[in-house]
C-alpha atoms as a PDB file:
ATOM      1  CA  UNK A   1     128.834  94.644 157.122  1.00  0.00           C
ATOM      2  CA  UNK A   2     132.413  94.285 156.882  1.00  0.00           C
ATOM      3  CA  UNK A   3     134.741  91.644 158.542  1.00  0.00           C
ATOM      4  CA  UNK A   4     135.059  93.314 161.856  1.00  0.00           C
ATOM      5  CA  UNK A   5     131.556  93.498 162.782  1.00  0.00           C
ATOM      6  CA  UNK A   6     131.179  89.833 161.379  1.00  0.00           C
ATOM      7  CA  UNK A   7     133.994  88.633 163.385  1.00  0.00           C
ATOM      8  CA  UNK A   8     132.644  90.050 166.721  1.00  0.00           C
ATOM      9  CA  UNK A   9     129.380  88.739 165.798  1.00  0.00           C
ATOM     10  CA  UNK A  10     130.624  85.068 165.285  1.00  0.00           C
ATOM     11  CA  UNK A  11     133.314  85.508 168.334  1.00  0.00           C
ATOM     12  CA  UNK A  12     129.672  86.319 170.822  1.00  0.00           C
ATOM     13  CA  UNK A  13     128.406  83.156 168.896  1.00  0.00           C
ATOM     14  CA  UNK A  14     131.144  81.027 169.904  1.00  0.00           C
ATOM     15  CA  UNK A  15     131.241  82.503 173.439  1.00  0.00           C
ATOM     16  CA  UNK A  16     127.815  80.875 174.006  1.00  0.00           C
ATOM     17  CA  UNK A  17     128.517  77.864 172.597  1.00  0.00           C
ATOM     18  CA  UNK A  18     131.818  77.658 174.557  1.00  0.00           C
ATOM     19  CA  UNK A  19     129.481  78.302 178.037  1.00  0.00           C
ATOM     20  CA  UNK A  20     127.464  75.325 177.376  1.00  0.00           C
ATOM     21  CA  UNK A  21     130.310  73.057 176.295  1.00  0.00           C
ATOM     22  CA  UNK A  22     132.303  73.494 179.275  1.00  0.00           C
ATOM     23  CA  UNK A  23     129.592  73.049 181.721  1.00  0.00           C
ATOM     24  CA  UNK A  24     128.783  69.922 179.842  1.00  0.00           C
ATOM     25  CA  UNK A  25     132.719  68.745 179.517  1.00  0.00           C
ATOM     26  CA  UNK A  26     133.525  69.754 183.073  1.00  0.00           C
ATOM     27  CA  UNK A  27     131.069  67.328 183.761  1.00  0.00           C
ATOM     28  CA  UNK A  28     132.624  64.506 181.715  1.00  0.00           C
ATOM     29  CA  UNK A  29     136.091  65.367 183.337  1.00  0.00           C
ATOM     30  CA  UNK A  30     134.993  65.453 186.856  1.00  0.00           C
ATOM     31  CA  UNK A  31     133.595  61.956 186.507  1.00  0.00           C
ATOM     32  CA  UNK A  32     136.911  60.511 185.069  1.00  0.00           C
ATOM     33  CA  UNK A  33     139.160  62.429 187.365  1.00  0.00           C
ATOM     34  CA  UNK A  34     137.290  61.463 190.400  1.00  0.00           C
ATOM     35  CA  UNK A  35     136.237  57.643 189.562  1.00  0.00           C
ATOM     36  CA  UNK A  36     138.360  57.140 186.488  1.00  0.00           C
ATOM     37  CA  UNK A  37     134.971  56.064 184.847  1.00  0.00           C
ATOM     38  CA  UNK A  38     134.404  57.123 180.997  1.00  0.00           C
ATOM     39  CA  UNK A  39     130.789  58.056 180.708  1.00  0.00           C
ATOM     40  CA  UNK A  40     129.366  57.209 177.458  1.00  0.00           C
ATOM     41  CA  UNK A  41     126.144  57.856 178.707  1.00  0.00           C
ATOM     42  CA  UNK A  42     126.809  61.608 179.715  1.00  0.00           C
ATOM     43  CA  UNK A  43     125.088  62.947 176.561  1.00  0.00           C
ATOM     44  CA  UNK A  44     122.025  61.295 177.290  1.00  0.00           C
ATOM     45  CA  UNK A  45     122.103  62.892 180.714  1.00  0.00           C
ATOM     46  CA  UNK A  46     122.288  66.173 178.484  1.00  0.00           C
ATOM     47  CA  UNK A  47     119.361  65.274 176.417  1.00  0.00           C
ATOM     48  CA  UNK A  48     117.240  64.380 179.555  1.00  0.00           C
ATOM     49  CA  UNK A  49     118.055  67.399 180.918  1.00  0.00           C
ATOM     50  CA  UNK A  50     116.700  69.399 177.920  1.00  0.00           C
ATOM     51  CA  UNK A  51     113.460  67.090 177.797  1.00  0.00           C
ATOM     52  CA  UNK A  52     112.989  67.278 181.488  1.00  0.00           C
ATOM     53  CA  UNK A  53     113.067  71.577 181.248  1.00  0.00           C
ATOM     54  CA  UNK A  54     110.895  71.213 178.693  1.00  0.00           C
ATOM     55  CA  UNK A  55     108.541  69.044 180.751  1.00  0.00           C
ATOM     56  CA  UNK A  56     108.920  70.977 183.987  1.00  0.00           C
ATOM     57  CA  UNK A  57     108.339  74.200 182.200  1.00  0.00           C
ATOM     58  CA  UNK A  58     105.116  73.450 180.503  1.00  0.00           C
ATOM     59  CA  UNK A  59     103.778  71.721 183.678  1.00  0.00           C
ATOM     60  CA  UNK A  60     105.051  74.213 186.058  1.00  0.00           C
ATOM     61  CA  UNK A  61     105.373  77.362 184.508  1.00  0.00           C
ATOM     62  CA  UNK A  62     102.622  79.845 184.603  1.00  0.00           C
ATOM     63  CA  UNK A  63     104.850  82.038 182.815  1.00  0.00           C
ATOM     64  CA  UNK A  64     108.003  81.851 180.732  1.00  0.00           C
ATOM     65  CA  UNK A  65     109.976  83.124 184.333  1.00  0.00           C
ATOM     66  CA  UNK A  66     108.774  80.998 186.500  1.00  0.00           C
ATOM     67  CA  UNK A  67     108.721  77.915 183.990  1.00  0.00           C
ATOM     68  CA  UNK A  68     112.268  78.777 183.224  1.00  0.00           C
ATOM     69  CA  UNK A  69     113.545  78.686 186.850  1.00  0.00           C
ATOM     70  CA  UNK A  70     111.532  75.841 187.746  1.00  0.00           C
ATOM     71  CA  UNK A  71     113.525  74.124 184.965  1.00  0.00           C
ATOM     72  CA  UNK A  72     116.973  75.401 185.839  1.00  0.00           C
ATOM     73  CA  UNK A  73     116.278  74.348 189.880  1.00  0.00           C
ATOM     74  CA  UNK A  74     114.305  70.920 189.090  1.00  0.00           C
ATOM     75  CA  UNK A  75     116.010  69.665 185.606  1.00  0.00           C
ATOM     76  CA  UNK A  76     119.601  69.315 186.929  1.00  0.00           C
ATOM     77  CA  UNK A  77     118.544  67.882 190.046  1.00  0.00           C
ATOM     78  CA  UNK A  78     116.517  65.124 188.951  1.00  0.00           C
ATOM     79  CA  UNK A  79     119.181  64.067 186.631  1.00  0.00           C
ATOM     80  CA  UNK A  80     121.701  64.000 189.098  1.00  0.00           C
ATOM     81  CA  UNK A  81     119.675  62.102 191.658  1.00  0.00           C
ATOM     82  CA  UNK A  82     119.183  59.589 188.556  1.00  0.00           C
ATOM     83  CA  UNK A  83     122.894  59.579 187.820  1.00  0.00           C
ATOM     84  CA  UNK A  84     123.588  58.819 191.437  1.00  0.00           C
ATOM     85  CA  UNK A  85     120.956  56.027 191.598  1.00  0.00           C
ATOM     86  CA  UNK A  86     122.707  54.540 188.265  1.00  0.00           C
ATOM     87  CA  UNK A  87     125.996  54.370 189.915  1.00  0.00           C
ATOM     88  CA  UNK A  88     124.942  52.753 193.138  1.00  0.00           C
ATOM     89  CA  UNK A  89     122.964  50.297 190.939  1.00  0.00           C
ATOM     90  CA  UNK A  90     124.969  49.540 188.150  1.00  0.00           C
ATOM     91  CA  UNK A  91     128.706  51.090 188.305  1.00  0.00           C
ATOM     92  CA  UNK A  92     129.351  50.038 192.119  1.00  0.00           C
ATOM     93  CA  UNK A  93     128.133  46.271 191.721  1.00  0.00           C
ATOM     94  CA  UNK A  94     130.939  46.478 188.578  1.00  0.00           C
ATOM     95  CA  UNK A  95     133.634  47.772 190.873  1.00  0.00           C
ATOM     96  CA  UNK A  96     134.269  50.556 188.568  1.00  0.00           C
ATOM     97  CA  UNK A  97     136.225  48.258 186.209  1.00  0.00           C
ATOM     98  CA  UNK A  98     137.097  50.340 183.118  1.00  0.00           C
ATOM     99  CA  UNK A  99     135.933  47.690 180.524  1.00  0.00           C
ATOM    100  CA  UNK A 100     133.054  47.086 182.055  1.00  0.00           C
ATOM    101  CA  UNK A 101     131.858  50.312 183.047  1.00  0.00           C
ATOM    102  CA  UNK A 102     132.326  51.489 179.089  1.00  0.00           C
ATOM    103  CA  UNK A 103     129.668  48.809 178.300  1.00  0.00           C
ATOM    104  CA  UNK A 104     127.487  49.164 180.903  1.00  0.00           C
ATOM    105  CA  UNK A 105     127.248  53.473 180.176  1.00  0.00           C
ATOM    106  CA  UNK A 106     126.343  52.374 176.852  1.00  0.00           C
ATOM    107  CA  UNK A 107     123.722  50.263 178.020  1.00  0.00           C
ATOM    108  CA  UNK A 108     122.464  52.922 180.049  1.00  0.00           C
ATOM    109  CA  UNK A 109     122.529  55.378 176.959  1.00  0.00           C
ATOM    110  CA  UNK A 110     120.160  53.088 175.218  1.00  0.00           C
ATOM    111  CA  UNK A 111     117.865  53.119 178.118  1.00  0.00           C
ATOM    112  CA  UNK A 112     117.713  56.745 178.789  1.00  0.00           C
ATOM    113  CA  UNK A 113     117.467  57.717 174.838  1.00  0.00           C
ATOM    114  CA  UNK A 114     114.323  54.890 174.077  1.00  0.00           C
ATOM    115  CA  UNK A 115     112.613  55.476 177.714  1.00  0.00           C
ATOM    116  CA  UNK A 116     112.708  59.704 176.991  1.00  0.00           C
ATOM    117  CA  UNK A 117     110.976  58.231 173.232  1.00  0.00           C
ATOM    118  CA  UNK A 118     108.513  56.116 174.585  1.00  0.00           C
ATOM    119  CA  UNK A 119     107.675  58.479 177.915  1.00  0.00           C
ATOM    120  CA  UNK A 120     107.661  62.067 175.845  1.00  0.00           C
ATOM    121  CA  UNK A 121     107.646  61.104 172.278  1.00  0.00           C
ATOM    122  CA  UNK A 122     110.006  61.778 169.048  1.00  0.00           C
ATOM    123  CA  UNK A 123     108.955  65.341 168.476  1.00  0.00           C
ATOM    124  CA  UNK A 124     111.451  68.402 169.137  1.00  0.00           C
ATOM    125  CA  UNK A 125     109.790  70.831 171.459  1.00  0.00           C
ATOM    126  CA  UNK A 126     110.770  74.573 172.283  1.00  0.00           C
ATOM    127  CA  UNK A 127     111.351  76.209 175.506  1.00  0.00           C
ATOM    128  CA  UNK A 128     110.235  80.155 175.697  1.00  0.00           C
ATOM    129  CA  UNK A 129     113.171  82.196 177.142  1.00  0.00           C
ATOM    130  CA  UNK A 130     112.459  84.375 180.253  1.00  0.00           C
ATOM    131  CA  UNK A 131     113.668  87.335 178.172  1.00  0.00           C
ATOM    132  CA  UNK A 132     114.888  87.399 174.962  1.00  0.00           C
ATOM    133  CA  UNK A 133     115.344  91.120 174.120  1.00  0.00           C
ATOM    134  CA  UNK A 134     117.590  92.010 170.843  1.00  0.00           C
ATOM    135  CA  UNK A 135     120.545  94.564 171.771  1.00  0.00           C
ATOM    136  CA  UNK A 136     122.219  96.143 169.139  1.00  0.00           C
ATOM    137  CA  UNK A 137     125.786  96.081 169.222  1.00  0.00           C
ATOM    138  CA  UNK A 138     128.356  99.257 168.570  1.00  0.00           C
ATOM    139  CA  UNK A 139     131.463  98.786 166.364  1.00  0.00           C
ATOM    140  CA  UNK A 140     134.330 101.562 166.429  1.00  0.00           C
ATOM    141  CA  UNK A 141     136.646 102.551 163.821  1.00  0.00           C
ATOM    142  CA  UNK A 142     138.696 105.259 163.264  1.00  0.00           C
ATOM    143  CA  UNK A 143     137.480 107.909 161.241  1.00  0.00           C
ATOM    144  CA  UNK A 144     138.163 111.552 160.256  1.00  0.00           C
ATOM    145  CA  UNK A 145     137.315 112.810 163.690  1.00  0.00           C
ATOM    146  CA  UNK A 146     139.418 109.700 165.568  1.00  0.00           C
ATOM    147  CA  UNK A 147     137.873 106.871 166.820  1.00  0.00           C
ATOM    148  CA  UNK A 148     134.020 106.718 165.797  1.00  0.00           C
ATOM    149  CA  UNK A 149     131.088 104.731 167.075  1.00  0.00           C
ATOM    150  CA  UNK A 150     128.289 103.607 165.044  1.00  0.00           C
ATOM    151  CA  UNK A 151     125.620 100.861 164.883  1.00  0.00           C
ATOM    152  CA  UNK A 152     125.920  98.637 161.795  1.00  0.00           C
ATOM    153  CA  UNK A 153     122.786  97.421 160.620  1.00  0.00           C
ATOM    154  CA  UNK A 154     122.053  93.856 161.908  1.00  0.00           C
ATOM    155  CA  UNK A 155     124.962  93.471 164.305  1.00  0.00           C
ATOM    156  CA  UNK A 156     123.180  92.638 167.364  1.00  0.00           C
ATOM    157  CA  UNK A 157     122.787  89.730 170.114  1.00  0.00           C
ATOM    158  CA  UNK A 158     119.917  88.737 172.241  1.00  0.00           C
ATOM    159  CA  UNK A 159     119.912  89.480 176.004  1.00  0.00           C
ATOM    160  CA  UNK A 160     119.212  85.530 176.833  1.00  0.00           C
ATOM    161  CA  UNK A 161     122.472  84.457 175.360  1.00  0.00           C
ATOM    162  CA  UNK A 162     124.395  87.158 177.014  1.00  0.00           C
ATOM    163  CA  UNK A 163     122.978  85.489 180.248  1.00  0.00           C
ATOM    164  CA  UNK A 164     123.770  82.180 179.032  1.00  0.00           C
ATOM    165  CA  UNK A 165     127.573  83.313 178.945  1.00  0.00           C
ATOM    166  CA  UNK A 166     127.479  84.916 182.317  1.00  0.00           C
ATOM    167  CA  UNK A 167     125.517  82.103 183.812  1.00  0.00           C
ATOM    168  CA  UNK A 168     128.357  79.495 182.835  1.00  0.00           C
ATOM    169  CA  UNK A 169     130.719  81.775 184.470  1.00  0.00           C
ATOM    170  CA  UNK A 170     129.145  82.002 187.647  1.00  0.00           C
ATOM    171  CA  UNK A 171     128.785  78.502 187.769  1.00  0.00           C
ATOM    172  CA  UNK A 172     132.275  77.863 186.829  1.00  0.00           C
ATOM    173  CA  UNK A 173     133.306  79.846 190.046  1.00  0.00           C
ATOM    174  CA  UNK A 174     130.901  78.090 191.870  1.00  0.00           C
ATOM    175  CA  UNK A 175     132.326  74.774 191.001  1.00  0.00           C
ATOM    176  CA  UNK A 176     135.752  76.112 191.634  1.00  0.00           C
ATOM    177  CA  UNK A 177     134.638  77.128 195.470  1.00  0.00           C
ATOM    178  CA  UNK A 178     133.290  73.778 196.228  1.00  0.00           C
ATOM    179  CA  UNK A 179     136.260  71.697 194.496  1.00  0.00           C
ATOM    180  CA  UNK A 180     138.840  74.146 196.487  1.00  0.00           C
ATOM    181  CA  UNK A 181     137.537  75.602 199.370  1.00  0.00           C
ATOM    182  CA  UNK A 182     135.279  73.120 201.101  1.00  0.00           C
ATOM    183  CA  UNK A 183     135.296  69.826 202.768  1.00  0.00           C
ATOM    184  CA  UNK A 184     133.486  68.052 199.930  1.00  0.00           C
ATOM    185  CA  UNK A 185     135.701  69.316 197.606  1.00  0.00           C
ATOM    186  CA  UNK A 186     138.584  68.212 199.552  1.00  0.00           C
ATOM    187  CA  UNK A 187     137.114  64.698 199.959  1.00  0.00           C
ATOM    188  CA  UNK A 188     136.743  64.482 196.675  1.00  0.00           C
ATOM    189  CA  UNK A 189     140.584  65.425 195.962  1.00  0.00           C
ATOM    190  CA  UNK A 190     141.433  63.018 198.033  1.00  0.00           C
ATOM    191  CA  UNK A 191     139.297  60.007 196.747  1.00  0.00           C
ATOM    192  CA  UNK A 192     141.062  61.272 193.481  1.00  0.00           C
ATOM    193  CA  UNK A 193     144.611  61.191 194.433  1.00  0.00           C
ATOM    194  CA  UNK A 194     144.342  57.426 196.173  1.00  0.00           C
ATOM    195  CA  UNK A 195     140.688  56.221 196.592  1.00  0.00           C
ATOM    196  CA  UNK A 196     142.313  52.874 198.760  1.00  0.00           C
ATOM    197  CA  UNK A 197     143.935  55.477 201.538  1.00  0.00           C
ATOM    198  CA  UNK A 198     140.625  57.766 201.543  1.00  0.00           C
ATOM    199  CA  UNK A 199     139.081  54.924 202.430  1.00  0.00           C
ATOM    200  CA  UNK A 200     141.327  53.798 204.811  1.00  0.00           C
ATOM    201  CA  UNK A 201     141.097  57.168 206.537  1.00  0.00           C
ATOM    202  CA  UNK A 202     136.953  56.587 206.735  1.00  0.00           C
ATOM    203  CA  UNK A 203     136.131  58.440 204.020  1.00  0.00           C
ATOM    204  CA  UNK A 204     133.009  57.169 202.424  1.00  0.00           C
ATOM    205  CA  UNK A 205     134.371  56.415 198.746  1.00  0.00           C
ATOM    206  CA  UNK A 206     131.369  54.903 197.742  1.00  0.00           C
ATOM    207  CA  UNK A 207     128.979  57.823 198.557  1.00  0.00           C
ATOM    208  CA  UNK A 208     131.759  60.241 196.987  1.00  0.00           C
ATOM    209  CA  UNK A 209     131.500  58.333 193.783  1.00  0.00           C
ATOM    210  CA  UNK A 210     127.689  58.482 193.643  1.00  0.00           C
ATOM    211  CA  UNK A 211     127.949  62.172 194.886  1.00  0.00           C
ATOM    212  CA  UNK A 212     130.484  62.861 191.684  1.00  0.00           C
ATOM    213  CA  UNK A 213     128.472  61.023 189.182  1.00  0.00           C
ATOM    214  CA  UNK A 214     125.451  62.851 190.251  1.00  0.00           C
ATOM    215  CA  UNK A 215     127.054  66.153 189.862  1.00  0.00           C
ATOM    216  CA  UNK A 216     129.113  65.360 186.431  1.00  0.00           C
ATOM    217  CA  UNK A 217     125.291  64.290 184.934  1.00  0.00           C
ATOM    218  CA  UNK A 218     123.818  67.529 186.767  1.00  0.00           C
ATOM    219  CA  UNK A 219     126.313  69.939 184.941  1.00  0.00           C
ATOM    220  CA  UNK A 220     125.498  68.571 181.509  1.00  0.00           C
ATOM    221  CA  UNK A 221     121.609  68.870 182.331  1.00  0.00           C
ATOM    222  CA  UNK A 222     122.593  72.467 183.357  1.00  0.00           C
ATOM    223  CA  UNK A 223     124.084  72.962 180.240  1.00  0.00           C
ATOM    224  CA  UNK A 224     121.265  71.669 178.248  1.00  0.00           C
ATOM    225  CA  UNK A 225     118.646  73.570 180.389  1.00  0.00           C
ATOM    226  CA  UNK A 226     120.490  76.907 179.442  1.00  0.00           C
ATOM    227  CA  UNK A 227     120.957  75.953 175.888  1.00  0.00           C
ATOM    228  CA  UNK A 228     117.454  74.710 175.311  1.00  0.00           C
ATOM    229  CA  UNK A 229     115.619  77.872 174.945  1.00  0.00           C
ATOM    230  CA  UNK A 230     117.883  78.566 172.063  1.00  0.00           C
ATOM    231  CA  UNK A 231     117.727  74.873 170.429  1.00  0.00           C
ATOM    232  CA  UNK A 232     114.553  72.531 170.839  1.00  0.00           C
ATOM    233  CA  UNK A 233     114.705  69.707 173.168  1.00  0.00           C
ATOM    234  CA  UNK A 234     114.347  65.986 171.598  1.00  0.00           C
ATOM    235  CA  UNK A 235     115.745  62.920 172.443  1.00  0.00           C
ATOM    236  CA  UNK A 236     118.424  62.163 169.892  1.00  0.00           C
ATOM    237  CA  UNK A 237     120.314  65.528 170.971  1.00  0.00           C
ATOM    238  CA  UNK A 238     122.771  63.913 173.235  1.00  0.00           C
ATOM    239  CA  UNK A 239     125.157  62.692 170.086  1.00  0.00           C
ATOM    240  CA  UNK A 240     126.743  66.039 169.691  1.00  0.00           C
ATOM    241  CA  UNK A 241     127.115  66.901 172.989  1.00  0.00           C
ATOM    242  CA  UNK A 242     128.918  63.921 173.928  1.00  0.00           C
ATOM    243  CA  UNK A 243     131.537  63.932 171.141  1.00  0.00           C
ATOM    244  CA  UNK A 244     132.066  67.615 171.380  1.00  0.00           C
ATOM    245  CA  UNK A 245     132.526  66.655 175.166  1.00  0.00           C
ATOM    246  CA  UNK A 246     135.261  63.565 174.656  1.00  0.00           C
ATOM    247  CA  UNK A 247     137.090  66.460 172.254  1.00  0.00           C
ATOM    248  CA  UNK A 248     137.297  68.937 175.094  1.00  0.00           C
ATOM    249  CA  UNK A 249     138.368  66.558 177.379  1.00  0.00           C
ATOM    250  CA  UNK A 250     140.977  64.703 175.174  1.00  0.00           C
ATOM    251  CA  UNK A 251     142.564  67.986 174.163  1.00  0.00           C
ATOM    252  CA  UNK A 252     142.609  69.444 177.699  1.00  0.00           C
ATOM    253  CA  UNK A 253     143.640  66.214 179.350  1.00  0.00           C
ATOM    254  CA  UNK A 254     141.438  63.550 180.962  1.00  0.00           C
ATOM    255  CA  UNK A 255     140.551  64.860 184.532  1.00  0.00           C
ATOM    256  CA  UNK A 256     142.328  68.153 184.307  1.00  0.00           C
ATOM    257  CA  UNK A 257     139.514  71.278 184.828  1.00  0.00           C
ATOM    258  CA  UNK A 258     141.675  73.782 183.841  1.00  0.00           C
ATOM    259  CA  UNK A 259     142.566  71.819 180.766  1.00  0.00           C
ATOM    260  CA  UNK A 260     138.668  71.424 180.036  1.00  0.00           C
ATOM    261  CA  UNK A 261     137.915  75.145 180.289  1.00  0.00           C
ATOM    262  CA  UNK A 262     140.708  75.873 178.184  1.00  0.00           C
ATOM    263  CA  UNK A 263     139.715  73.432 175.357  1.00  0.00           C
ATOM    264  CA  UNK A 264     135.850  74.204 175.505  1.00  0.00           C
ATOM    265  CA  UNK A 265     136.627  77.989 175.103  1.00  0.00           C
ATOM    266  CA  UNK A 266     138.953  76.768 172.252  1.00  0.00           C
ATOM    267  CA  UNK A 267     136.740  74.561 170.454  1.00  0.00           C
ATOM    268  CA  UNK A 268     133.558  76.766 171.389  1.00  0.00           C
ATOM    269  CA  UNK A 269     134.767  79.606 170.032  1.00  0.00           C
ATOM    270  CA  UNK A 270     136.337  77.879 166.993  1.00  0.00           C
ATOM    271  CA  UNK A 271     133.102  76.325 166.081  1.00  0.00           C
ATOM    272  CA  UNK A 272     130.920  79.436 166.154  1.00  0.00           C
ATOM    273  CA  UNK A 273     133.400  81.924 164.037  1.00  0.00           C
ATOM    274  CA  UNK A 274     134.319  78.672 161.685  1.00  0.00           C
ATOM    275  CA  UNK A 275     130.562  78.035 161.509  1.00  0.00           C
ATOM    276  CA  UNK A 276     129.643  81.570 160.668  1.00  0.00           C
ATOM    277  CA  UNK A 277     131.882  82.152 158.232  1.00  0.00           C
ATOM    278  CA  UNK A 278     132.439  78.773 156.668  1.00  0.00           C
ATOM    279  CA  UNK A 279     130.267  75.497 157.343  1.00  0.00           C
ATOM    280  CA  UNK A 280     129.441  73.620 160.778  1.00  0.00           C
ATOM    281  CA  UNK A 281     131.023  70.570 159.151  1.00  0.00           C
ATOM    282  CA  UNK A 282     134.387  72.241 158.689  1.00  0.00           C
ATOM    283  CA  UNK A 283     134.306  73.110 161.976  1.00  0.00           C
ATOM    284  CA  UNK A 284     134.105  69.587 163.555  1.00  0.00           C
ATOM    285  CA  UNK A 285     136.365  68.549 160.727  1.00  0.00           C
ATOM    286  CA  UNK A 286     138.774  70.801 162.511  1.00  0.00           C
ATOM    287  CA  UNK A 287     138.112  69.926 166.062  1.00  0.00           C
ATOM    288  CA  UNK A 288     138.790  65.823 165.184  1.00  0.00           C
ATOM    289  CA  UNK A 289     142.017  67.154 163.448  1.00  0.00           C
ATOM    290  CA  UNK A 290     143.023  68.821 166.551  1.00  0.00           C
ATOM    291  CA  UNK A 291     142.343  65.648 168.792  1.00  0.00           C
ATOM    292  CA  UNK A 292     144.618  63.369 166.362  1.00  0.00           C
ATOM    293  CA  UNK A 293     147.166  65.926 166.530  1.00  0.00           C
ATOM    294  CA  UNK A 294     147.149  66.102 170.740  1.00  0.00           C
ATOM    295  CA  UNK A 295     147.133  62.379 170.922  1.00  0.00           C
ATOM    296  CA  UNK A 296     150.043  61.975 168.694  1.00  0.00           C
ATOM    297  CA  UNK A 297     152.071  64.902 169.978  1.00  0.00           C
ATOM    298  CA  UNK A 298     150.780  64.820 173.871  1.00  0.00           C
ATOM    299  CA  UNK A 299     148.703  61.971 174.308  1.00  0.00           C
ATOM    300  CA  UNK A 300     147.862  63.120 178.068  1.00  0.00           C
ATOM    301  CA  UNK A 301     146.448  66.320 176.569  1.00  0.00           C
ATOM    302  CA  UNK A 302     147.402  70.092 176.922  1.00  0.00           C
ATOM    303  CA  UNK A 303     147.501  70.170 180.883  1.00  0.00           C
ATOM    304  CA  UNK A 304     147.090  66.402 181.375  1.00  0.00           C
ATOM    305  CA  UNK A 305     150.113  64.743 183.349  1.00  0.00           C
ATOM    306  CA  UNK A 306     152.061  62.149 181.921  1.00  0.00           C
ATOM    307  CA  UNK A 307     151.707  58.565 182.854  1.00  0.00           C
ATOM    308  CA  UNK A 308     154.871  57.193 184.279  1.00  0.00           C
END
């Protein structure tokens, strides 16, 4: 197979990575944008979503489709409720002080991780995809008779990976509608702009914070549910998504949702392409280098606002 088909396949694999990453990073960005809280436990909410997806699909699933649909609905909901409860029980009493909330979410990280280990064990567990047909991909090249289509051997992708890309796009569109076209979104934006003024106008800022914290964790869990039929669920899988999410929100701009989408696509696509042609380690090195360059030349991120 020549370079062109290889590049197309790597681009599709990168699109799958970017789709999951954009959901995970979006949750982190929303929490910081509205609450100004750096959630270090965000990766563990991702991990918890994956483990709960396995548990729900294995317990409730009569078949792969029923199990996956149940996990897709229940796992993000349960993780969101757990996160909202953590906000009410822990972060609220710290008055969302930046330093203390970082320490608190580090503690929450270990609580979630070790509780998951003690409850479900250390083994990595797969989740059966609801469908997984392998689809051959065509390639086009100019030949003697003009533009010709042929089917290179090995150039294929599964239907489930295409579903992940489409599902992430639908969730992002729904999130955009929620934030820009609904009363809840208006309340979230008002709280983000000035929480004290919002409180003076009767907005229950404490409840908004709980909803936002739960929404951020639920988005991370949703990304994990989508990826767990491709990767196995285990209690240590939260570190990489947390690191990549921080890289995305730093490059895109803390709290900037458009920046988060653009940076997630940039990091996810480059990760997929570089991993195929070179190595996953090189992809992480380049991503870290990009963060360093952004911090040096544009500390507020590509789409963030400079602090005046």
